């Protein structure tokens, strides 16, 4: 089975998302996110890349 290298996280209900993303990050998963989810993860000091930065499109 191939390891997960990258995950896209974009949710409306942010309950528990910080803990979930932190665990993914600890496993070495690169996290991509959008809008409000991106801001919450960034504020929690979780390494995250905004989707538009990754794709080069706004």
N, C-alpha and C. Protein backbone atom coordinates (compact mmCIF):
# COMPACT_ATOMS: atom_id res chain seq x y z
N UNK A 1 0.84 -1.18 0.00
CA UNK A 1 0.00 0.00 0.00
C UNK A 1 0.89 1.25 0.00
N UNK A 2 0.53 2.23 -0.82
CA UNK A 2 1.30 3.47 -0.91
C UNK A 2 0.98 4.37 0.29
N UNK A 3 2.00 5.05 0.82
CA UNK A 3 1.75 5.99 1.92
C UNK A 3 1.04 7.24 1.40
N UNK A 4 0.27 7.86 2.25
CA UNK A 4 -0.39 9.12 1.91
C UNK A 4 0.65 10.23 2.02
N UNK A 5 0.85 10.97 0.94
CA UNK A 5 1.84 12.04 0.94
C UNK A 5 1.22 13.42 1.07
N UNK A 6 -0.02 13.54 0.61
CA UNK A 6 -0.65 14.86 0.56
C UNK A 6 -2.14 14.70 0.84
N UNK A 7 -2.71 15.68 1.56
CA UNK A 7 -4.15 15.65 1.85
C UNK A 7 -4.74 17.04 1.64
N UNK A 8 -5.92 17.06 1.04
CA UNK A 8 -6.68 18.30 0.88
C UNK A 8 -7.76 18.33 1.95
N UNK A 9 -7.70 19.36 2.80
CA UNK A 9 -8.68 19.49 3.88
C UNK A 9 -9.44 20.79 3.69
N UNK A 10 -10.75 20.68 3.52
CA UNK A 10 -11.62 21.84 3.39
C UNK A 10 -12.99 21.44 3.94
N UNK A 11 -13.33 21.95 5.11
CA UNK A 11 -14.57 21.53 5.77
C UNK A 11 -15.36 22.75 6.24
N UNK A 12 -16.68 22.59 6.32
CA UNK A 12 -17.50 23.67 6.86
C UNK A 12 -17.58 23.58 8.38
N UNK A 13 -17.68 22.36 8.92
CA UNK A 13 -17.71 22.16 10.37
C UNK A 13 -16.28 21.90 10.83
N UNK A 14 -15.69 22.87 11.51
CA UNK A 14 -14.28 22.81 11.89
C UNK A 14 -14.03 22.00 13.17
N UNK A 15 -15.06 21.42 13.75
CA UNK A 15 -14.92 20.66 14.99
C UNK A 15 -13.89 19.55 14.81
N UNK A 16 -12.84 19.57 15.62
CA UNK A 16 -11.84 18.51 15.62
C UNK A 16 -10.83 18.57 14.48
N UNK A 17 -10.94 19.56 13.61
CA UNK A 17 -10.07 19.59 12.43
C UNK A 17 -8.62 19.87 12.79
N UNK A 18 -8.38 20.65 13.82
CA UNK A 18 -7.00 20.96 14.21
C UNK A 18 -6.29 19.69 14.68
N UNK A 19 -6.93 18.91 15.54
CA UNK A 19 -6.31 17.66 16.02
C UNK A 19 -6.08 16.68 14.87
N UNK A 20 -7.07 16.58 13.97
CA UNK A 20 -6.95 15.68 12.83
C UNK A 20 -5.77 16.09 11.94
N UNK A 21 -5.69 17.38 11.62
CA UNK A 21 -4.62 17.87 10.77
C UNK A 21 -3.26 17.74 11.45
N UNK A 22 -3.22 17.96 12.75
CA UNK A 22 -1.96 17.83 13.48
C UNK A 22 -1.43 16.39 13.39
N UNK A 23 -2.32 15.42 13.52
CA UNK A 23 -1.92 14.02 13.40
C UNK A 23 -1.40 13.71 12.00
N UNK A 24 -2.09 14.21 10.98
CA UNK A 24 -1.61 14.01 9.61
C UNK A 24 -0.22 14.61 9.44
N UNK A 25 -0.03 15.81 9.95
CA UNK A 25 1.25 16.48 9.84
C UNK A 25 2.35 15.68 10.54
N UNK A 26 2.06 15.13 11.70
CA UNK A 26 3.04 14.32 12.44
C UNK A 26 3.41 13.06 11.67
N UNK A 27 2.50 12.60 10.82
CA UNK A 27 2.77 11.42 9.98
C UNK A 27 3.51 11.79 8.70
N UNK A 28 3.81 13.07 8.54
CA UNK A 28 4.56 13.51 7.37
C UNK A 28 3.70 13.84 6.15
N UNK A 29 2.40 13.99 6.36
CA UNK A 29 1.49 14.30 5.26
C UNK A 29 1.51 15.81 5.01
N UNK A 30 1.70 16.19 3.74
CA UNK A 30 1.61 17.60 3.36
C UNK A 30 0.14 17.98 3.29
N UNK A 31 -0.23 19.08 3.93
CA UNK A 31 -1.63 19.48 4.00
C UNK A 31 -1.88 20.69 3.10
N UNK A 32 -2.90 20.55 2.26
CA UNK A 32 -3.40 21.65 1.43
C UNK A 32 -4.77 22.00 1.94
N UNK A 33 -5.11 23.29 1.90
CA UNK A 33 -6.42 23.68 2.41
C UNK A 33 -6.90 24.97 1.75
N UNK A 34 -8.16 25.30 2.03
CA UNK A 34 -8.78 26.49 1.43
C UNK A 34 -9.37 27.38 2.52
N UNK A 35 -9.53 28.65 2.18
CA UNK A 35 -10.28 29.62 2.98
C UNK A 35 -10.16 29.54 4.48
N UNK A 36 -11.32 29.38 5.12
CA UNK A 36 -11.40 29.37 6.57
C UNK A 36 -10.65 28.21 7.21
N UNK A 37 -10.69 27.07 6.57
CA UNK A 37 -9.96 25.91 7.10
C UNK A 37 -8.46 26.20 7.09
N UNK A 38 -7.98 26.79 6.02
CA UNK A 38 -6.57 27.17 5.93
C UNK A 38 -6.19 28.10 7.07
N UNK A 39 -7.01 29.12 7.30
CA UNK A 39 -6.70 30.10 8.36
C UNK A 39 -6.66 29.45 9.75
N UNK A 40 -7.59 28.56 10.02
CA UNK A 40 -7.62 27.90 11.33
C UNK A 40 -6.38 27.03 11.53
N UNK A 41 -5.99 26.29 10.50
CA UNK A 41 -4.81 25.43 10.62
C UNK A 41 -3.55 26.27 10.76
N UNK A 42 -3.47 27.35 10.02
CA UNK A 42 -2.31 28.24 10.11
C UNK A 42 -2.22 28.86 11.51
N UNK A 43 -3.34 29.29 12.06
CA UNK A 43 -3.35 29.88 13.41
C UNK A 43 -2.95 28.86 14.46
N UNK A 44 -3.17 27.58 14.19
CA UNK A 44 -2.79 26.52 15.12
C UNK A 44 -1.35 26.06 14.88
N UNK A 45 -0.62 26.79 14.04
CA UNK A 45 0.79 26.48 13.73
C UNK A 45 0.97 25.10 13.10
N UNK A 46 0.00 24.69 12.31
CA UNK A 46 0.11 23.45 11.56
C UNK A 46 0.61 23.81 10.17
N UNK A 47 1.66 23.14 9.69
CA UNK A 47 2.15 23.44 8.34
C UNK A 47 1.06 23.16 7.31
N UNK A 48 0.67 24.19 6.57
CA UNK A 48 -0.42 24.07 5.60
C UNK A 48 -0.14 24.99 4.42
N UNK A 49 -0.50 24.54 3.23
CA UNK A 49 -0.36 25.32 2.01
C UNK A 49 -1.74 25.63 1.47
N UNK A 50 -1.98 26.89 1.13
CA UNK A 50 -3.27 27.24 0.54
C UNK A 50 -3.33 26.66 -0.87
N UNK A 51 -4.47 26.10 -1.23
CA UNK A 51 -4.63 25.44 -2.52
C UNK A 51 -4.23 26.37 -3.67
N UNK A 52 -4.62 27.63 -3.60
CA UNK A 52 -4.28 28.56 -4.69
C UNK A 52 -2.77 28.76 -4.82
N UNK A 53 -2.04 28.71 -3.71
CA UNK A 53 -0.57 28.80 -3.77
C UNK A 53 0.01 27.54 -4.42
N UNK A 54 -0.59 26.41 -4.16
CA UNK A 54 -0.12 25.14 -4.70
C UNK A 54 -0.38 25.05 -6.20
N UNK A 55 -1.57 25.48 -6.62
CA UNK A 55 -1.95 25.36 -8.03
C UNK A 55 -1.48 26.53 -8.88
N UNK A 56 -1.25 27.68 -8.24
CA UNK A 56 -0.88 28.87 -8.97
C UNK A 56 -2.08 29.62 -9.55
N UNK A 57 -3.29 29.20 -9.14
CA UNK A 57 -4.52 29.84 -9.60
C UNK A 57 -5.32 30.33 -8.39
N UNK A 58 -5.87 31.55 -8.47
CA UNK A 58 -6.66 32.08 -7.34
C UNK A 58 -7.97 31.36 -7.13
